[in-house]
Amino acid sequence: MPTEITRKLFTVDEYHRMGEAGVFAPEERVELIDGEVIQMSPVGHRHIVCVNRATKLFIVAFGDNAVVSPQNPVRLSNWTEPQPDLAVFKPRADFYAAARPTLDDILLVVEISDTTFRVDRNIKVPHFAASGIPEVWIEDLKKNVLLIFRDPLRGHYETTLTLRAGDFVSPLAFPDIRFAVHELLGDPEVFRH
């Protein structure tokens, strides 16, 4: 007689209660995707440097016109709350103390991929598109390119761009601000041993 396997899926609220109850160790890196708790890969040195670099570049460039939120969760649905490397929100004087950001508050999401490219590209990007996030960037550290996803429509992005060192990019929310791709990716040679 075959045995049925039933998965227990968690809502975002249940996931938060699990965290508050100490189910996850403080240093444990997890995300909730489609109701499943996903173990995130450990981050490498270049990944950390790129998060720090983009955080500083964004804070300086956007100033009081945005809230730059590094490595904090964004709730996409009742079942999905990924933790992108950077999220850029509309500005709010209370920095979202009174209420968490909603989907309408998200201007840009950035994922920095060294070992996580497949998950970022094939799982997270479609979720961001389905949620109507207007723009997603993936810093692909293996290929040293910046992938741009814009114009969400029915679970995918209509516009995709691949930019390399020497190229420039302006976020949709801030068309007058330009970033050099090499500023975001840094020099990969520094990290080769």
N, C-alpha and C. Protein backbone atom coordinates (compact mmCIF):
# COMPACT_ATOMS: atom_id res chain seq x y z
N MET A 1 0.85 -1.17 0.00
CA MET A 1 0.00 0.00 0.00
C MET A 1 0.90 1.23 0.00
N PRO A 2 0.78 2.08 -1.03
CA PRO A 2 1.63 3.28 -1.12
C PRO A 2 1.31 4.26 0.01
N THR A 3 2.34 4.91 0.45
CA THR A 3 2.19 5.90 1.51
C THR A 3 2.14 7.29 0.90
N GLU A 4 1.16 8.06 1.29
CA GLU A 4 1.07 9.44 0.85
C GLU A 4 2.03 10.29 1.66
N ILE A 5 2.76 11.14 0.99
CA ILE A 5 3.64 12.08 1.69
C ILE A 5 2.98 13.44 1.64
N THR A 6 2.82 14.03 2.79
CA THR A 6 2.20 15.35 2.88
C THR A 6 3.24 16.33 3.42
N ARG A 7 3.39 17.42 2.73
CA ARG A 7 4.28 18.46 3.19
C ARG A 7 3.51 19.46 4.03
N LYS A 8 4.15 19.95 5.06
CA LYS A 8 3.57 21.03 5.86
C LYS A 8 4.16 22.33 5.34
N LEU A 9 3.32 23.17 4.76
CA LEU A 9 3.76 24.47 4.28
C LEU A 9 3.45 25.51 5.34
N PHE A 10 4.31 26.51 5.43
CA PHE A 10 4.18 27.53 6.46
C PHE A 10 3.79 28.87 5.85
N THR A 11 2.96 29.61 6.56
CA THR A 11 2.67 30.98 6.17
C THR A 11 3.80 31.86 6.67
N VAL A 12 3.83 33.09 6.20
CA VAL A 12 4.84 34.05 6.67
C VAL A 12 4.69 34.27 8.17
N ASP A 13 3.45 34.37 8.66
CA ASP A 13 3.24 34.57 10.09
C ASP A 13 3.76 33.38 10.91
N GLU A 14 3.50 32.15 10.45
CA GLU A 14 4.01 30.97 11.15
C GLU A 14 5.54 30.95 11.12
N TYR A 15 6.10 31.31 9.99
CA TYR A 15 7.56 31.38 9.82
C TYR A 15 8.17 32.37 10.82
N HIS A 16 7.53 33.52 10.99
CA HIS A 16 8.01 34.51 11.96
C HIS A 16 7.92 33.97 13.39
N ARG A 17 6.81 33.30 13.69
CA ARG A 17 6.67 32.72 15.03
C ARG A 17 7.73 31.65 15.29
N MET A 18 8.08 30.89 14.27
CA MET A 18 9.14 29.90 14.42
C MET A 18 10.47 30.59 14.74
N GLY A 19 10.74 31.69 14.06
CA GLY A 19 11.96 32.44 14.34
C GLY A 19 11.98 33.00 15.75
N GLU A 20 10.84 33.55 16.18
CA GLU A 20 10.73 34.11 17.54
C GLU A 20 10.88 33.02 18.60
N ALA A 21 10.44 31.79 18.29
CA ALA A 21 10.52 30.68 19.24
C ALA A 21 11.91 30.05 19.27
N GLY A 22 12.82 30.51 18.40
CA GLY A 22 14.18 29.99 18.41
C GLY A 22 14.36 28.72 17.60
N VAL A 23 13.43 28.43 16.69
CA VAL A 23 13.56 27.24 15.85
C VAL A 23 14.80 27.37 14.96
N PHE A 24 15.11 28.58 14.53
CA PHE A 24 16.29 28.84 13.72
C PHE A 24 17.37 29.47 14.60
N ALA A 25 18.60 29.02 14.44
CA ALA A 25 19.72 29.63 15.16
C ALA A 25 19.89 31.07 14.66
N PRO A 26 20.36 31.99 15.51
CA PRO A 26 20.48 33.39 15.11
C PRO A 26 21.32 33.60 13.84
N GLU A 27 22.34 32.79 13.66
CA GLU A 27 23.21 32.95 12.49
C GLU A 27 22.72 32.17 11.28
N GLU A 28 21.65 31.41 11.45
CA GLU A 28 21.12 30.59 10.35
C GLU A 28 20.49 31.47 9.29
N ARG A 29 20.83 31.20 8.04
CA ARG A 29 20.32 31.97 6.92
C ARG A 29 19.22 31.17 6.23
N VAL A 30 17.97 31.62 6.39
CA VAL A 30 16.83 30.93 5.80
C VAL A 30 15.89 31.95 5.16
N GLU A 31 15.10 31.45 4.21
CA GLU A 31 14.07 32.23 3.53
C GLU A 31 12.83 31.36 3.43
N LEU A 32 11.69 32.00 3.27
CA LEU A 32 10.44 31.27 3.05
C LEU A 32 10.03 31.47 1.59
N ILE A 33 9.99 30.38 0.85
CA ILE A 33 9.61 30.42 -0.57
C ILE A 33 8.49 29.40 -0.78
N ASP A 34 7.34 29.87 -1.21
CA ASP A 34 6.18 29.00 -1.46
C ASP A 34 5.86 28.12 -0.26
N GLY A 35 5.98 28.69 0.94
CA GLY A 35 5.62 27.98 2.15
C GLY A 35 6.71 27.06 2.69
N GLU A 36 7.81 26.92 1.98
CA GLU A 36 8.90 26.05 2.43
C GLU A 36 10.06 26.89 2.96
N VAL A 37 10.64 26.44 4.05
CA VAL A 37 11.82 27.10 4.61
C VAL A 37 13.03 26.60 3.84
N ILE A 38 13.72 27.54 3.21
CA ILE A 38 14.86 27.22 2.36
C ILE A 38 16.14 27.67 3.05
N GLN A 39 17.10 26.76 3.15
CA GLN A 39 18.42 27.07 3.71
C GLN A 39 19.21 27.84 2.65
N MET A 40 19.70 29.01 3.02
CA MET A 40 20.50 29.81 2.09
C MET A 40 21.96 29.41 2.19
N SER A 41 22.69 29.56 1.09
CA SER A 41 24.11 29.25 1.07
C SER A 41 24.88 30.26 1.91
N PRO A 42 25.99 29.83 2.49
CA PRO A 42 26.85 30.80 3.17
C PRO A 42 27.39 31.80 2.16
N VAL A 43 27.63 33.02 2.61
CA VAL A 43 28.12 34.05 1.70
C VAL A 43 29.63 34.08 1.70
N GLY A 44 30.19 34.33 0.53
CA GLY A 44 31.64 34.45 0.40
C GLY A 44 32.08 35.88 0.59
N HIS A 45 33.39 36.06 0.61
CA HIS A 45 33.98 37.38 0.87
C HIS A 45 33.58 38.40 -0.21
N ARG A 46 33.65 38.01 -1.48
CA ARG A 46 33.28 38.94 -2.55
C ARG A 46 31.81 39.34 -2.44
N HIS A 47 30.95 38.40 -2.10
CA HIS A 47 29.53 38.69 -1.91
C HIS A 47 29.35 39.77 -0.86
N ILE A 48 30.01 39.61 0.28
CA ILE A 48 29.91 40.59 1.37
C ILE A 48 30.38 41.96 0.89
N VAL A 49 31.51 41.99 0.19
CA VAL A 49 32.06 43.26 -0.31
C VAL A 49 31.09 43.92 -1.28
N CYS A 50 30.47 43.13 -2.16
CA CYS A 50 29.52 43.70 -3.13
C CYS A 50 28.26 44.23 -2.46
N VAL A 51 27.78 43.55 -1.41
CA VAL A 51 26.64 44.07 -0.65
C VAL A 51 27.02 45.41 -0.02
N ASN A 52 28.19 45.46 0.60
CA ASN A 52 28.64 46.71 1.23
C ASN A 52 28.80 47.82 0.21
N ARG A 53 29.39 47.49 -0.95
CA ARG A 53 29.62 48.48 -1.99
C ARG A 53 28.29 49.04 -2.51
N ALA A 54 27.35 48.16 -2.86
CA ALA A 54 26.07 48.62 -3.38
C ALA A 54 25.29 49.41 -2.34
N THR A 55 25.35 48.98 -1.08
CA THR A 55 24.67 49.71 -0.01
C THR A 55 25.17 51.14 0.07
N LYS A 56 26.48 51.30 0.09
CA LYS A 56 27.04 52.66 0.17
C LYS A 56 26.69 53.48 -1.08
N LEU A 57 26.87 52.90 -2.26
CA LEU A 57 26.56 53.62 -3.50
C LEU A 57 25.10 54.08 -3.50
N PHE A 58 24.18 53.21 -3.11
CA PHE A 58 22.77 53.55 -3.12
C PHE A 58 22.43 54.62 -2.09
N ILE A 59 22.96 54.49 -0.88
CA ILE A 59 22.66 55.48 0.16
C ILE A 59 23.15 56.86 -0.25
N VAL A 60 24.36 56.93 -0.79
CA VAL A 60 24.91 58.21 -1.23
C VAL A 60 24.10 58.77 -2.40
N ALA A 61 23.79 57.93 -3.37
CA ALA A 61 23.09 58.40 -4.59
C ALA A 61 21.63 58.75 -4.33
N PHE A 62 20.93 57.93 -3.56
CA PHE A 62 19.50 58.15 -3.37
C PHE A 62 19.19 59.12 -2.23
N GLY A 63 20.10 59.23 -1.28
CA GLY A 63 19.91 60.15 -0.16
C GLY A 63 18.59 59.91 0.56
N ASP A 64 17.85 61.00 0.75
CA ASP A 64 16.57 60.94 1.45
C ASP A 64 15.42 60.49 0.55
N ASN A 65 15.71 60.15 -0.70
CA ASN A 65 14.67 59.77 -1.65
C ASN A 65 14.33 58.28 -1.63
N ALA A 66 14.98 57.52 -0.74
CA ALA A 66 14.73 56.09 -0.65
C ALA A 66 15.23 55.57 0.69
N VAL A 67 14.73 54.40 1.05
CA VAL A 67 15.25 53.65 2.18
C VAL A 67 15.97 52.43 1.59
N VAL A 68 17.27 52.34 1.84
CA VAL A 68 18.06 51.22 1.36
C VAL A 68 18.13 50.19 2.48
N SER A 69 17.67 48.98 2.18
CA SER A 69 17.53 47.94 3.20
C SER A 69 18.36 46.72 2.82
N PRO A 70 19.57 46.58 3.39
CA PRO A 70 20.41 45.43 3.04
C PRO A 70 20.04 44.17 3.82
N GLN A 71 19.90 43.08 3.10
CA GLN A 71 19.71 41.73 3.62
C GLN A 71 18.57 41.62 4.63
N ASN A 72 17.45 42.23 4.28
CA ASN A 72 16.24 42.15 5.09
C ASN A 72 15.12 41.56 4.25
N PRO A 73 14.17 40.89 4.89
CA PRO A 73 13.12 40.21 4.13
C PRO A 73 12.11 41.17 3.49
N VAL A 74 11.54 40.71 2.39
CA VAL A 74 10.42 41.41 1.75
C VAL A 74 9.29 40.40 1.59
N ARG A 75 8.13 40.78 2.07
CA ARG A 75 6.97 39.88 2.00
C ARG A 75 6.31 40.02 0.63
N LEU A 76 6.29 38.92 -0.11
CA LEU A 76 5.69 38.93 -1.44
C LEU A 76 4.27 38.39 -1.43
N SER A 77 4.00 37.48 -0.48
CA SER A 77 2.66 36.89 -0.37
C SER A 77 2.55 36.30 1.02
N ASN A 78 1.43 35.65 1.27
CA ASN A 78 1.24 34.99 2.56
C ASN A 78 2.17 33.78 2.72
N TRP A 79 2.78 33.32 1.62
CA TRP A 79 3.60 32.10 1.63
C TRP A 79 5.06 32.34 1.26
N THR A 80 5.40 33.55 0.86
CA THR A 80 6.75 33.80 0.35
C THR A 80 7.33 35.09 0.91
N GLU A 81 8.49 34.95 1.54
CA GLU A 81 9.22 36.10 2.08
C GLU A 81 10.72 35.88 1.89
N PRO A 82 11.23 36.20 0.69
CA PRO A 82 12.66 36.07 0.47
C PRO A 82 13.43 37.18 1.20
N GLN A 83 14.72 37.00 1.24
CA GLN A 83 15.59 37.97 1.89
C GLN A 83 16.63 38.43 0.86
N PRO A 84 16.28 39.39 0.02
CA PRO A 84 17.23 39.82 -1.01
C PRO A 84 18.44 40.51 -0.38
N ASP A 85 19.50 40.57 -1.15
CA ASP A 85 20.71 41.23 -0.64
C ASP A 85 20.48 42.71 -0.41
N LEU A 86 19.69 43.34 -1.27
CA LEU A 86 19.31 44.74 -1.08
C LEU A 86 17.89 44.96 -1.59
N ALA A 87 17.16 45.74 -0.86
CA ALA A 87 15.86 46.22 -1.33
C ALA A 87 15.87 47.74 -1.17
N VAL A 88 15.30 48.41 -2.15
CA VAL A 88 15.19 49.86 -2.10
C VAL A 88 13.71 50.19 -2.05
N PHE A 89 13.34 50.90 -0.97
CA PHE A 89 11.94 51.24 -0.74
C PHE A 89 11.70 52.72 -0.94
N LYS A 90 10.44 53.08 -1.17
CA LYS A 90 10.05 54.49 -1.17
C LYS A 90 10.40 55.08 0.19
N PRO A 91 10.74 56.36 0.23
CA PRO A 91 11.13 56.96 1.51
C PRO A 91 9.95 57.07 2.47
N ARG A 92 10.23 56.88 3.73
CA ARG A 92 9.27 57.10 4.80
C ARG A 92 10.01 57.62 6.00
N ALA A 93 9.50 58.63 6.64
CA ALA A 93 10.18 59.29 7.76
C ALA A 93 10.45 58.32 8.90
N ASP A 94 9.57 57.34 9.10
CA ASP A 94 9.76 56.41 10.22
C ASP A 94 10.57 55.16 9.84
N PHE A 95 11.11 55.13 8.61
CA PHE A 95 11.89 53.98 8.12
C PHE A 95 11.11 52.67 8.26
N TYR A 96 9.79 52.76 8.15
CA TYR A 96 8.88 51.61 8.19
C TYR A 96 8.78 50.99 9.59
N ALA A 97 8.92 51.83 10.61
CA ALA A 97 8.75 51.35 11.99
C ALA A 97 7.29 51.03 12.28
N ALA A 98 6.37 51.86 11.78
CA ALA A 98 4.95 51.67 12.09
C ALA A 98 4.33 50.49 11.34
N ALA A 99 4.87 50.18 10.17
CA ALA A 99 4.35 49.07 9.37
C ALA A 99 5.43 48.63 8.39
N ARG A 100 5.48 47.34 8.15
CA ARG A 100 6.46 46.81 7.19
C ARG A 100 6.17 47.32 5.79
N PRO A 101 7.18 47.38 4.94
CA PRO A 101 6.94 47.81 3.56
C PRO A 101 5.97 46.86 2.85
N THR A 102 5.16 47.41 1.99
CA THR A 102 4.27 46.60 1.16
C THR A 102 4.90 46.47 -0.23
N LEU A 103 4.27 45.69 -1.07
CA LEU A 103 4.76 45.53 -2.44
C LEU A 103 4.82 46.87 -3.16
N ASP A 104 3.88 47.75 -2.88
CA ASP A 104 3.85 49.07 -3.52
C ASP A 104 5.02 49.96 -3.10
N ASP A 105 5.67 49.63 -1.99
CA ASP A 105 6.79 50.43 -1.49
C ASP A 105 8.12 50.04 -2.12
N ILE A 106 8.18 48.88 -2.78
CA ILE A 106 9.45 48.36 -3.30
C ILE A 106 9.75 48.99 -4.66
N LEU A 107 10.91 49.64 -4.74
CA LEU A 107 11.35 50.27 -5.99
C LEU A 107 12.32 49.37 -6.77
N LEU A 108 13.17 48.66 -6.04
CA LEU A 108 14.23 47.88 -6.67
C LEU A 108 14.67 46.80 -5.71
N VAL A 109 14.96 45.62 -6.25
CA VAL A 109 15.54 44.51 -5.48
C VAL A 109 16.84 44.12 -6.16
N VAL A 110 17.88 43.87 -5.35
CA VAL A 110 19.17 43.44 -5.88
C VAL A 110 19.58 42.13 -5.21
N GLU A 111 19.92 41.15 -6.03
CA GLU A 111 20.49 39.90 -5.55
C GLU A 111 21.94 39.83 -6.02
N ILE A 112 22.82 39.42 -5.14
CA ILE A 112 24.23 39.25 -5.49
C ILE A 112 24.50 37.76 -5.48
N SER A 113 24.81 37.23 -6.66
CA SER A 113 24.89 35.78 -6.85
C SER A 113 26.32 35.33 -7.09
N ASP A 114 26.81 34.53 -6.17
CA ASP A 114 28.05 33.82 -6.43
C ASP A 114 27.72 32.34 -6.53
N THR A 115 27.18 31.75 -5.49
CA THR A 115 26.78 30.34 -5.53
C THR A 115 25.26 30.16 -5.68
N THR A 116 24.51 31.25 -5.72
CA THR A 116 23.05 31.16 -5.68
C THR A 116 22.36 31.57 -6.99
N PHE A 117 23.11 31.63 -8.08
CA PHE A 117 22.54 32.17 -9.31
C PHE A 117 21.27 31.44 -9.76
N ARG A 118 21.28 30.13 -9.77
CA ARG A 118 20.09 29.38 -10.24
C ARG A 118 18.86 29.70 -9.42
N VAL A 119 19.02 29.74 -8.10
CA VAL A 119 17.88 30.06 -7.22
C VAL A 119 17.43 31.50 -7.46
N ASP A 120 18.39 32.42 -7.51
CA ASP A 120 18.03 33.83 -7.73
C ASP A 120 17.32 34.01 -9.07
N ARG A 121 17.86 33.43 -10.13
CA ARG A 121 17.32 33.63 -11.48
C ARG A 121 16.04 32.84 -11.72
N ASN A 122 16.01 31.59 -11.31
CA ASN A 122 14.91 30.71 -11.68
C ASN A 122 13.78 30.62 -10.67
N ILE A 123 14.04 30.99 -9.43
CA ILE A 123 13.00 30.92 -8.40
C ILE A 123 12.60 32.32 -7.92
N LYS A 124 13.59 33.10 -7.50
CA LYS A 124 13.25 34.41 -6.93
C LYS A 124 12.75 35.40 -7.97
N VAL A 125 13.43 35.51 -9.11
CA VAL A 125 13.02 36.49 -10.13
C VAL A 125 11.57 36.28 -10.55
N PRO A 126 11.12 35.06 -10.85
CA PRO A 126 9.71 34.89 -11.20
C PRO A 126 8.76 35.30 -10.06
N HIS A 127 9.15 35.06 -8.81
CA HIS A 127 8.33 35.49 -7.69
C HIS A 127 8.27 37.02 -7.62
N PHE A 128 9.41 37.68 -7.84
CA PHE A 128 9.42 39.14 -7.85
C PHE A 128 8.54 39.67 -8.98
N ALA A 129 8.62 39.04 -10.15
CA ALA A 129 7.80 39.47 -11.29
C ALA A 129 6.32 39.28 -10.99
N ALA A 130 5.96 38.10 -10.46
CA ALA A 130 4.55 37.82 -10.15
C ALA A 130 4.00 38.78 -9.10
N SER A 131 4.88 39.30 -8.26
CA SER A 131 4.48 40.25 -7.21
C SER A 131 4.46 41.69 -7.70
N GLY A 132 4.90 41.91 -8.94
CA GLY A 132 4.86 43.25 -9.51
C GLY A 132 6.03 44.14 -9.12
N ILE A 133 7.12 43.55 -8.62
CA ILE A 133 8.30 44.35 -8.29
C ILE A 133 8.79 44.95 -9.61
N PRO A 134 8.91 46.29 -9.70
CA PRO A 134 9.19 46.91 -10.99
C PRO A 134 10.56 46.61 -11.58
N GLU A 135 11.54 46.31 -10.71
CA GLU A 135 12.89 46.13 -11.23
C GLU A 135 13.70 45.25 -10.28
N VAL A 136 14.45 44.31 -10.88
CA VAL A 136 15.35 43.43 -10.13
C VAL A 136 16.70 43.43 -10.85
N TRP A 137 17.75 43.51 -10.05
CA TRP A 137 19.11 43.38 -10.58
C TRP A 137 19.74 42.14 -9.96
N ILE A 138 20.47 41.38 -10.76
CA ILE A 138 21.29 40.29 -10.24
C ILE A 138 22.73 40.59 -10.62
N GLU A 139 23.59 40.71 -9.61
CA GLU A 139 25.02 40.80 -9.84
C GLU A 139 25.54 39.36 -9.93
N ASP A 140 25.82 38.91 -11.13
CA ASP A 140 26.33 37.56 -11.35
C ASP A 140 27.85 37.60 -11.21
N LEU A 141 28.34 37.20 -10.05
CA LEU A 141 29.76 37.30 -9.75
C LEU A 141 30.59 36.26 -10.48
N LYS A 142 29.98 35.17 -10.93
CA LYS A 142 30.72 34.15 -11.69
C LYS A 142 31.05 34.66 -13.10
N LYS A 143 30.10 35.35 -13.72
CA LYS A 143 30.30 35.83 -15.10
C LYS A 143 30.67 37.31 -15.14
N ASN A 144 30.66 37.97 -13.97
CA ASN A 144 30.98 39.39 -13.87
C ASN A 144 30.08 40.24 -14.77
N VAL A 145 28.78 39.99 -14.64
CA VAL A 145 27.79 40.77 -15.38
C VAL A 145 26.68 41.21 -14.43
N LEU A 146 25.97 42.24 -14.84
CA LEU A 146 24.80 42.71 -14.11
C LEU A 146 23.58 42.44 -14.98
N LEU A 147 22.67 41.61 -14.47
CA LEU A 147 21.44 41.30 -15.19
C LEU A 147 20.34 42.22 -14.67
N ILE A 148 19.61 42.83 -15.58
CA ILE A 148 18.54 43.76 -15.24
C ILE A 148 17.22 43.17 -15.72
N PHE A 149 16.23 43.17 -14.83
CA PHE A 149 14.89 42.67 -15.15
C PHE A 149 13.91 43.80 -14.88
N ARG A 150 13.09 44.14 -15.89
CA ARG A 150 12.13 45.23 -15.77
C ARG A 150 10.81 44.85 -16.44
N ASP A 151 9.80 45.62 -16.11
CA ASP A 151 8.48 45.48 -16.74
C ASP A 151 7.83 44.13 -16.45
N PRO A 152 7.44 43.91 -15.20
CA PRO A 152 6.82 42.63 -14.85
C PRO A 152 5.46 42.46 -15.54
N LEU A 153 5.23 41.25 -16.04
CA LEU A 153 3.97 40.94 -16.69
C LEU A 153 3.71 39.45 -16.55
N ARG A 154 2.62 39.08 -15.87
CA ARG A 154 2.19 37.69 -15.72
C ARG A 154 3.32 36.73 -15.33
N GLY A 155 4.05 37.07 -14.29
CA GLY A 155 5.05 36.15 -13.74
C GLY A 155 6.41 36.16 -14.39
N HIS A 156 6.64 37.08 -15.32
CA HIS A 156 7.98 37.20 -15.89
C HIS A 156 8.25 38.67 -16.21
N TYR A 157 9.49 38.96 -16.53
CA TYR A 157 9.86 40.33 -16.89
C TYR A 157 9.96 40.45 -18.40
N GLU A 158 9.31 41.46 -18.93
CA GLU A 158 9.31 41.70 -20.38
C GLU A 158 10.67 42.18 -20.88
N THR A 159 11.37 42.94 -20.05
CA THR A 159 12.66 43.50 -20.45
C THR A 159 13.76 42.88 -19.61
N THR A 160 14.77 42.34 -20.29
CA THR A 160 15.95 41.83 -19.61
C THR A 160 17.19 42.38 -20.33
N LEU A 161 18.16 42.79 -19.54
CA LEU A 161 19.40 43.34 -20.08
C LEU A 161 20.57 42.66 -19.40
N THR A 162 21.66 42.51 -20.12
CA THR A 162 22.91 42.02 -19.55
C THR A 162 23.95 43.10 -19.75
N LEU A 163 24.49 43.62 -18.64
CA LEU A 163 25.47 44.70 -18.69
C LEU A 163 26.81 44.21 -18.15
N ARG A 164 27.88 44.79 -18.71
CA ARG A 164 29.24 44.39 -18.33
C ARG A 164 30.03 45.61 -17.87
N ALA A 165 31.24 45.36 -17.37
CA ALA A 165 32.13 46.45 -17.00
C ALA A 165 32.24 47.39 -18.20
N GLY A 166 32.18 48.68 -17.94
CA GLY A 166 32.18 49.67 -19.02
C GLY A 166 30.78 50.18 -19.32
N ASP A 167 29.75 49.42 -18.93
CA ASP A 167 28.36 49.85 -19.12
C ASP A 167 27.89 50.64 -17.90
N PHE A 168 26.78 51.35 -18.09
CA PHE A 168 26.16 52.12 -17.02
C PHE A 168 24.70 51.73 -16.91
N VAL A 169 24.13 51.92 -15.70
CA VAL A 169 22.73 51.59 -15.49
C VAL A 169 22.10 52.66 -14.61
N SER A 170 20.86 52.99 -14.91
CA SER A 170 20.05 53.89 -14.09
C SER A 170 18.82 53.14 -13.63
N PRO A 171 18.53 53.15 -12.33
CA PRO A 171 17.30 52.50 -11.86
C PRO A 171 16.08 53.20 -12.44
N LEU A 172 15.04 52.44 -12.71
CA LEU A 172 13.80 53.03 -13.23
C LEU A 172 13.27 54.13 -12.31
N ALA A 173 13.38 53.93 -11.01
CA ALA A 173 12.85 54.90 -10.04
C ALA A 173 13.69 56.17 -9.98
N PHE A 174 14.94 56.10 -10.46
CA PHE A 174 15.85 57.25 -10.41
C PHE A 174 16.59 57.38 -11.73
N PRO A 175 15.89 57.76 -12.79
CA PRO A 175 16.50 57.76 -14.12
C PRO A 175 17.67 58.74 -14.27
N ASP A 176 17.78 59.72 -13.39
CA ASP A 176 18.88 60.69 -13.48
C ASP A 176 20.13 60.23 -12.75
N ILE A 177 20.07 59.09 -12.09
CA ILE A 177 21.22 58.57 -11.35
C ILE A 177 21.80 57.40 -12.12
N ARG A 178 23.11 57.48 -12.38
CA ARG A 178 23.79 56.41 -13.15
C ARG A 178 24.84 55.74 -12.28
N PHE A 179 24.89 54.42 -12.41
CA PHE A 179 25.93 53.64 -11.76
C PHE A 179 26.75 52.94 -12.83
N ALA A 180 28.06 52.95 -12.67
CA ALA A 180 28.92 52.16 -13.54
C ALA A 180 28.85 50.72 -13.05
N VAL A 181 28.70 49.79 -13.98
CA VAL A 181 28.60 48.38 -13.61
C VAL A 181 29.83 47.95 -12.82
N HIS A 182 31.01 48.42 -13.22
CA HIS A 182 32.22 48.02 -12.50
C HIS A 182 32.24 48.55 -11.06
N GLU A 183 31.50 49.65 -10.79
CA GLU A 183 31.38 50.13 -9.40
C GLU A 183 30.64 49.11 -8.55
N LEU A 184 29.63 48.49 -9.12
CA LEU A 184 28.83 47.52 -8.38
C LEU A 184 29.55 46.18 -8.23
N LEU A 185 30.15 45.71 -9.31
CA LEU A 185 30.79 44.39 -9.30
C LEU A 185 32.19 44.41 -8.70
N GLY A 186 32.85 45.56 -8.73
CA GLY A 186 34.22 45.62 -8.25
C GLY A 186 35.17 44.89 -9.19
N ASP A 187 36.41 44.79 -8.80
CA ASP A 187 37.44 44.14 -9.59
C ASP A 187 37.53 42.67 -9.18
N PRO A 188 37.13 41.74 -10.05
CA PRO A 188 37.16 40.33 -9.67
C PRO A 188 38.58 39.81 -9.41
N GLU A 189 39.57 40.46 -10.01
CA GLU A 189 40.96 40.01 -9.84
C GLU A 189 41.43 40.13 -8.39
N VAL A 190 40.87 41.08 -7.65
CA VAL A 190 41.24 41.27 -6.26
C VAL A 190 40.92 40.02 -5.44
N PHE A 191 39.91 39.27 -5.86
CA PHE A 191 39.43 38.12 -5.08
C PHE A 191 40.00 36.78 -5.55
N ARG A 192 40.84 36.82 -6.57
CA ARG A 192 41.45 35.56 -7.07
C ARG A 192 42.71 35.28 -6.25
N HIS A 193 42.80 34.06 -5.80
CA HIS A 193 43.98 33.66 -5.01
C HIS A 193 44.74 32.57 -5.70
